[in-house]
Amino acid sequence: MILLKGFAVAKKARSKDGPNKAQLIRDAFKKLGIDAAAKDVQSFAESQGASVAAAQISNLRTKLKGAPTSKGAKTKNGALTAEDLVQARHMADKVGGVARAKELLDILAKLQ
């Protein structure tokens, strides 16, 4: 039992002899394609003797696709993130400072 902010929560036991659900989902993606519908993946898992939640499928699909996390992702309105600024600073340091980086970017813009 785990104590979580004053609440007692039963810890889920791992299945020792049952199928590994994550592996079943990966196998389903190999057979059906990474963009297969969750209900198709669930049917595949059920045919192997396990039931999986749509959330499990979605989470594993996101990990397998390598989708960007919110840390470095751009916002929808095109605003800069803190990670963008850090990368820009590193680039400026490599070329000799912010003024030199601006000169190079201006030249690059003219070439396009």
N, C-alpha and C. Protein backbone atom coordinates (compact mmCIF):
# COMPACT_ATOMS: atom_id res chain seq x y z
N MET A 1 0.84 -1.17 0.00
CA MET A 1 0.00 0.00 0.00
C MET A 1 0.89 1.23 0.00
N ILE A 2 0.50 2.24 -0.77
CA ILE A 2 1.26 3.49 -0.89
C ILE A 2 0.42 4.60 -0.27
N LEU A 3 1.07 5.47 0.48
CA LEU A 3 0.38 6.61 1.07
C LEU A 3 0.60 7.81 0.17
N LEU A 4 -0.48 8.38 -0.33
CA LEU A 4 -0.40 9.48 -1.29
C LEU A 4 -1.21 10.65 -0.77
N LYS A 5 -0.54 11.66 -0.22
CA LYS A 5 -1.17 12.87 0.31
C LYS A 5 -2.36 12.54 1.21
N GLY A 6 -2.13 11.67 2.14
CA GLY A 6 -3.16 11.35 3.11
C GLY A 6 -4.12 10.26 2.68
N PHE A 7 -4.01 9.75 1.47
CA PHE A 7 -4.90 8.72 1.00
C PHE A 7 -4.13 7.42 0.86
N ALA A 8 -4.74 6.33 1.23
CA ALA A 8 -4.12 5.02 1.06
C ALA A 8 -4.50 4.50 -0.31
N VAL A 9 -3.50 4.19 -1.12
CA VAL A 9 -3.74 3.70 -2.47
C VAL A 9 -3.08 2.33 -2.60
N ALA A 10 -3.84 1.36 -3.06
CA ALA A 10 -3.28 0.02 -3.23
C ALA A 10 -2.36 0.01 -4.44
N LYS A 11 -1.17 -0.55 -4.26
CA LYS A 11 -0.21 -0.65 -5.35
C LYS A 11 -0.61 -1.81 -6.24
N LYS A 12 -0.61 -1.57 -7.55
CA LYS A 12 -0.98 -2.62 -8.50
C LYS A 12 0.13 -3.65 -8.59
N ALA A 13 -0.26 -4.89 -8.53
CA ALA A 13 0.73 -5.96 -8.66
C ALA A 13 1.05 -6.19 -10.13
N ARG A 14 2.31 -6.52 -10.42
CA ARG A 14 2.71 -6.82 -11.79
C ARG A 14 2.32 -8.27 -12.11
N SER A 15 1.90 -8.47 -13.31
CA SER A 15 1.54 -9.80 -13.75
C SER A 15 2.80 -10.62 -14.00
N LYS A 16 2.88 -11.78 -13.37
CA LYS A 16 4.06 -12.62 -13.54
C LYS A 16 3.91 -13.59 -14.71
N ASP A 17 2.68 -14.03 -14.97
CA ASP A 17 2.50 -14.99 -16.05
C ASP A 17 1.65 -14.46 -17.20
N GLY A 18 1.06 -13.31 -17.04
CA GLY A 18 0.23 -12.73 -18.09
C GLY A 18 1.07 -12.04 -19.15
N PRO A 19 0.43 -11.64 -20.24
CA PRO A 19 1.16 -10.98 -21.31
C PRO A 19 1.62 -9.57 -20.90
N ASN A 20 2.74 -9.14 -21.44
CA ASN A 20 3.23 -7.80 -21.23
C ASN A 20 2.42 -6.89 -22.15
N LYS A 21 1.61 -6.02 -21.56
CA LYS A 21 0.69 -5.20 -22.35
C LYS A 21 1.41 -4.24 -23.28
N ALA A 22 2.49 -3.65 -22.80
CA ALA A 22 3.24 -2.72 -23.65
C ALA A 22 3.78 -3.45 -24.88
N GLN A 23 4.27 -4.67 -24.68
CA GLN A 23 4.79 -5.43 -25.82
C GLN A 23 3.67 -5.81 -26.77
N LEU A 24 2.51 -6.13 -26.24
CA LEU A 24 1.36 -6.44 -27.10
C LEU A 24 1.00 -5.23 -27.95
N ILE A 25 1.03 -4.05 -27.36
CA ILE A 25 0.70 -2.83 -28.11
C ILE A 25 1.76 -2.60 -29.19
N ARG A 26 3.04 -2.77 -28.84
CA ARG A 26 4.09 -2.62 -29.86
C ARG A 26 3.92 -3.63 -30.99
N ASP A 27 3.57 -4.86 -30.64
CA ASP A 27 3.34 -5.88 -31.67
C ASP A 27 2.17 -5.50 -32.57
N ALA A 28 1.12 -4.95 -31.96
CA ALA A 28 -0.04 -4.51 -32.74
C ALA A 28 0.35 -3.39 -33.69
N PHE A 29 1.18 -2.46 -33.23
CA PHE A 29 1.63 -1.37 -34.09
C PHE A 29 2.45 -1.90 -35.26
N LYS A 30 3.26 -2.93 -35.00
CA LYS A 30 4.05 -3.52 -36.08
C LYS A 30 3.14 -4.16 -37.13
N LYS A 31 2.10 -4.82 -36.65
CA LYS A 31 1.21 -5.53 -37.56
C LYS A 31 0.22 -4.58 -38.25
N LEU A 32 -0.34 -3.64 -37.48
CA LEU A 32 -1.41 -2.79 -37.99
C LEU A 32 -0.95 -1.41 -38.46
N GLY A 33 0.26 -1.04 -38.06
CA GLY A 33 0.74 0.30 -38.39
C GLY A 33 0.65 1.21 -37.17
N ILE A 34 1.57 2.16 -37.09
CA ILE A 34 1.64 3.03 -35.91
C ILE A 34 0.40 3.92 -35.76
N ASP A 35 -0.29 4.18 -36.85
CA ASP A 35 -1.48 5.04 -36.78
C ASP A 35 -2.78 4.25 -36.71
N ALA A 36 -2.70 2.99 -36.35
CA ALA A 36 -3.91 2.16 -36.24
C ALA A 36 -4.82 2.71 -35.16
N ALA A 37 -6.10 2.55 -35.37
CA ALA A 37 -7.09 3.01 -34.40
C ALA A 37 -6.95 2.24 -33.09
N ALA A 38 -7.23 2.93 -31.99
CA ALA A 38 -7.11 2.32 -30.66
C ALA A 38 -7.98 1.07 -30.54
N LYS A 39 -9.18 1.11 -31.12
CA LYS A 39 -10.07 -0.05 -31.01
C LYS A 39 -9.49 -1.26 -31.74
N ASP A 40 -8.75 -1.03 -32.83
CA ASP A 40 -8.11 -2.14 -33.53
C ASP A 40 -6.97 -2.73 -32.70
N VAL A 41 -6.22 -1.86 -32.05
CA VAL A 41 -5.13 -2.32 -31.18
C VAL A 41 -5.71 -3.09 -30.00
N GLN A 42 -6.83 -2.58 -29.45
CA GLN A 42 -7.48 -3.28 -28.34
C GLN A 42 -7.96 -4.67 -28.77
N SER A 43 -8.51 -4.77 -29.97
CA SER A 43 -8.96 -6.07 -30.47
C SER A 43 -7.78 -7.03 -30.62
N PHE A 44 -6.66 -6.52 -31.12
CA PHE A 44 -5.45 -7.35 -31.25
C PHE A 44 -5.02 -7.85 -29.87
N ALA A 45 -5.00 -6.96 -28.89
CA ALA A 45 -4.57 -7.35 -27.54
C ALA A 45 -5.53 -8.37 -26.93
N GLU A 46 -6.84 -8.17 -27.16
CA GLU A 46 -7.82 -9.12 -26.63
C GLU A 46 -7.65 -10.50 -27.26
N SER A 47 -7.26 -10.53 -28.53
CA SER A 47 -7.04 -11.83 -29.17
C SER A 47 -5.83 -12.55 -28.58
N GLN A 48 -4.96 -11.79 -27.92
CA GLN A 48 -3.78 -12.36 -27.26
C GLN A 48 -4.03 -12.61 -25.77
N GLY A 49 -5.24 -12.30 -25.30
CA GLY A 49 -5.60 -12.60 -23.92
C GLY A 49 -5.39 -11.46 -22.94
N ALA A 50 -5.37 -10.23 -23.41
CA ALA A 50 -5.19 -9.10 -22.50
C ALA A 50 -6.10 -7.95 -22.93
N SER A 51 -6.45 -7.14 -21.96
CA SER A 51 -7.21 -5.94 -22.31
C SER A 51 -6.33 -4.73 -22.00
N VAL A 52 -6.33 -3.78 -22.91
CA VAL A 52 -5.53 -2.57 -22.73
C VAL A 52 -6.43 -1.36 -22.89
N ALA A 53 -6.10 -0.33 -22.14
CA ALA A 53 -6.87 0.90 -22.19
C ALA A 53 -6.41 1.76 -23.36
N ALA A 54 -7.32 2.56 -23.87
CA ALA A 54 -6.99 3.46 -24.98
C ALA A 54 -5.89 4.42 -24.58
N ALA A 55 -5.86 4.82 -23.31
CA ALA A 55 -4.82 5.73 -22.83
C ALA A 55 -3.44 5.08 -22.91
N GLN A 56 -3.36 3.78 -22.61
CA GLN A 56 -2.09 3.06 -22.73
C GLN A 56 -1.61 3.07 -24.18
N ILE A 57 -2.52 2.86 -25.08
CA ILE A 57 -2.19 2.84 -26.50
C ILE A 57 -1.69 4.21 -26.94
N SER A 58 -2.41 5.23 -26.56
CA SER A 58 -2.03 6.59 -26.93
C SER A 58 -0.67 6.98 -26.37
N ASN A 59 -0.44 6.66 -25.10
CA ASN A 59 0.84 6.99 -24.47
C ASN A 59 2.01 6.28 -25.16
N LEU A 60 1.84 5.01 -25.46
CA LEU A 60 2.91 4.26 -26.09
C LEU A 60 3.14 4.74 -27.53
N ARG A 61 2.06 5.07 -28.23
CA ARG A 61 2.18 5.59 -29.60
C ARG A 61 2.99 6.89 -29.59
N THR A 62 2.72 7.77 -28.62
CA THR A 62 3.44 9.03 -28.51
C THR A 62 4.92 8.78 -28.27
N LYS A 63 5.24 7.85 -27.38
CA LYS A 63 6.64 7.54 -27.10
C LYS A 63 7.33 6.96 -28.32
N LEU A 64 6.65 6.06 -29.03
CA LEU A 64 7.26 5.42 -30.18
C LEU A 64 7.46 6.40 -31.34
N LYS A 65 6.55 7.33 -31.49
CA LYS A 65 6.68 8.31 -32.56
C LYS A 65 7.75 9.35 -32.24
N GLY A 66 8.10 9.47 -30.98
CA GLY A 66 9.11 10.45 -30.62
C GLY A 66 8.58 11.87 -30.70
N ALA A 67 7.34 12.05 -30.37
CA ALA A 67 6.75 13.38 -30.42
C ALA A 67 7.45 14.32 -29.46
N PRO A 68 7.59 15.58 -29.82
CA PRO A 68 8.27 16.51 -28.93
C PRO A 68 7.48 16.74 -27.65
N THR A 69 8.20 16.96 -26.59
CA THR A 69 7.56 17.26 -25.33
C THR A 69 7.31 18.75 -25.25
N SER A 70 6.61 19.19 -24.26
CA SER A 70 6.28 20.60 -24.15
C SER A 70 7.50 21.46 -23.82
N LYS A 71 8.61 20.84 -23.36
CA LYS A 71 9.80 21.60 -23.01
C LYS A 71 10.34 22.40 -24.18
N GLY A 72 10.48 21.78 -25.33
CA GLY A 72 11.09 22.45 -26.46
C GLY A 72 10.13 22.77 -27.58
N ALA A 73 8.87 22.49 -27.39
CA ALA A 73 7.91 22.67 -28.47
C ALA A 73 7.55 24.14 -28.66
N LYS A 74 7.30 24.51 -29.89
CA LYS A 74 6.87 25.87 -30.20
C LYS A 74 5.39 26.01 -29.83
N THR A 75 5.02 27.20 -29.46
CA THR A 75 3.61 27.45 -29.19
C THR A 75 2.90 27.64 -30.50
N LYS A 76 1.60 27.55 -30.50
CA LYS A 76 0.83 27.66 -31.73
C LYS A 76 0.92 29.05 -32.34
N ASN A 77 1.10 30.06 -31.52
CA ASN A 77 1.13 31.42 -32.06
C ASN A 77 2.54 31.82 -32.51
N GLY A 78 3.50 30.91 -32.49
CA GLY A 78 4.84 31.18 -32.98
C GLY A 78 5.74 31.87 -31.98
N ALA A 79 5.32 32.00 -30.73
CA ALA A 79 6.14 32.66 -29.71
C ALA A 79 7.37 31.81 -29.40
N LEU A 80 8.43 32.46 -28.99
CA LEU A 80 9.66 31.77 -28.63
C LEU A 80 9.54 31.12 -27.26
N THR A 81 10.18 30.00 -27.12
CA THR A 81 10.23 29.34 -25.82
C THR A 81 11.58 29.63 -25.18
N ALA A 82 11.71 29.30 -23.92
CA ALA A 82 12.98 29.48 -23.22
C ALA A 82 14.07 28.65 -23.88
N GLU A 83 13.73 27.47 -24.34
CA GLU A 83 14.70 26.61 -25.02
C GLU A 83 15.19 27.26 -26.32
N ASP A 84 14.31 27.92 -27.05
CA ASP A 84 14.71 28.63 -28.26
C ASP A 84 15.74 29.69 -27.94
N LEU A 85 15.51 30.43 -26.86
CA LEU A 85 16.44 31.49 -26.47
C LEU A 85 17.80 30.93 -26.05
N VAL A 86 17.79 29.82 -25.35
CA VAL A 86 19.04 29.19 -24.94
C VAL A 86 19.83 28.75 -26.17
N GLN A 87 19.15 28.14 -27.14
CA GLN A 87 19.82 27.71 -28.36
C GLN A 87 20.35 28.89 -29.15
N ALA A 88 19.59 29.99 -29.20
CA ALA A 88 20.05 31.19 -29.90
C ALA A 88 21.29 31.75 -29.22
N ARG A 89 21.31 31.73 -27.92
CA ARG A 89 22.47 32.24 -27.18
C ARG A 89 23.72 31.39 -27.47
N HIS A 90 23.54 30.07 -27.51
CA HIS A 90 24.66 29.18 -27.83
C HIS A 90 25.18 29.46 -29.24
N MET A 91 24.25 29.66 -30.18
CA MET A 91 24.65 29.95 -31.55
C MET A 91 25.41 31.28 -31.61
N ALA A 92 24.92 32.28 -30.90
CA ALA A 92 25.58 33.59 -30.88
C ALA A 92 26.99 33.47 -30.29
N ASP A 93 27.13 32.71 -29.24
CA ASP A 93 28.45 32.51 -28.63
C ASP A 93 29.41 31.84 -29.61
N LYS A 94 28.91 30.92 -30.42
CA LYS A 94 29.76 30.21 -31.37
C LYS A 94 30.29 31.11 -32.48
N VAL A 95 29.51 32.13 -32.86
CA VAL A 95 29.92 32.98 -34.00
C VAL A 95 30.53 34.30 -33.56
N GLY A 96 30.68 34.50 -32.26
CA GLY A 96 31.36 35.71 -31.80
C GLY A 96 30.48 36.76 -31.15
N GLY A 97 29.32 36.39 -30.71
CA GLY A 97 28.47 37.33 -29.99
C GLY A 97 27.17 37.61 -30.72
N VAL A 98 26.28 38.32 -30.02
CA VAL A 98 24.94 38.60 -30.54
C VAL A 98 25.01 39.51 -31.76
N ALA A 99 25.88 40.52 -31.74
CA ALA A 99 25.98 41.45 -32.87
C ALA A 99 26.42 40.71 -34.13
N ARG A 100 27.41 39.83 -34.00
CA ARG A 100 27.89 39.06 -35.15
C ARG A 100 26.81 38.10 -35.64
N ALA A 101 26.08 37.46 -34.73
CA ALA A 101 25.00 36.55 -35.12
C ALA A 101 23.93 37.31 -35.89
N LYS A 102 23.61 38.52 -35.45
CA LYS A 102 22.62 39.34 -36.15
C LYS A 102 23.09 39.67 -37.55
N GLU A 103 24.38 40.04 -37.71
CA GLU A 103 24.93 40.33 -39.03
C GLU A 103 24.79 39.12 -39.94
N LEU A 104 25.14 37.95 -39.43
CA LEU A 104 25.06 36.74 -40.23
C LEU A 104 23.62 36.40 -40.62
N LEU A 105 22.69 36.60 -39.69
CA LEU A 105 21.29 36.32 -39.99
C LEU A 105 20.73 37.31 -41.01
N ASP A 106 21.18 38.56 -40.95
CA ASP A 106 20.75 39.56 -41.94
C ASP A 106 21.24 39.16 -43.33
N ILE A 107 22.50 38.71 -43.42
CA ILE A 107 23.05 38.26 -44.70
C ILE A 107 22.28 37.05 -45.21
N LEU A 108 22.00 36.12 -44.30
CA LEU A 108 21.26 34.92 -44.68
C LEU A 108 19.87 35.29 -45.21
N ALA A 109 19.22 36.24 -44.58
CA ALA A 109 17.87 36.66 -45.01
C ALA A 109 17.92 37.26 -46.42
N LYS A 110 18.99 37.99 -46.74
CA LYS A 110 19.12 38.59 -48.06
C LYS A 110 19.35 37.53 -49.14
N LEU A 111 20.01 36.44 -48.75
CA LEU A 111 20.30 35.39 -49.71
C LEU A 111 19.07 34.56 -50.09
N GLN A 112 18.07 34.59 -49.28
CA GLN A 112 16.87 33.76 -49.54
C GLN A 112 15.94 34.39 -50.49
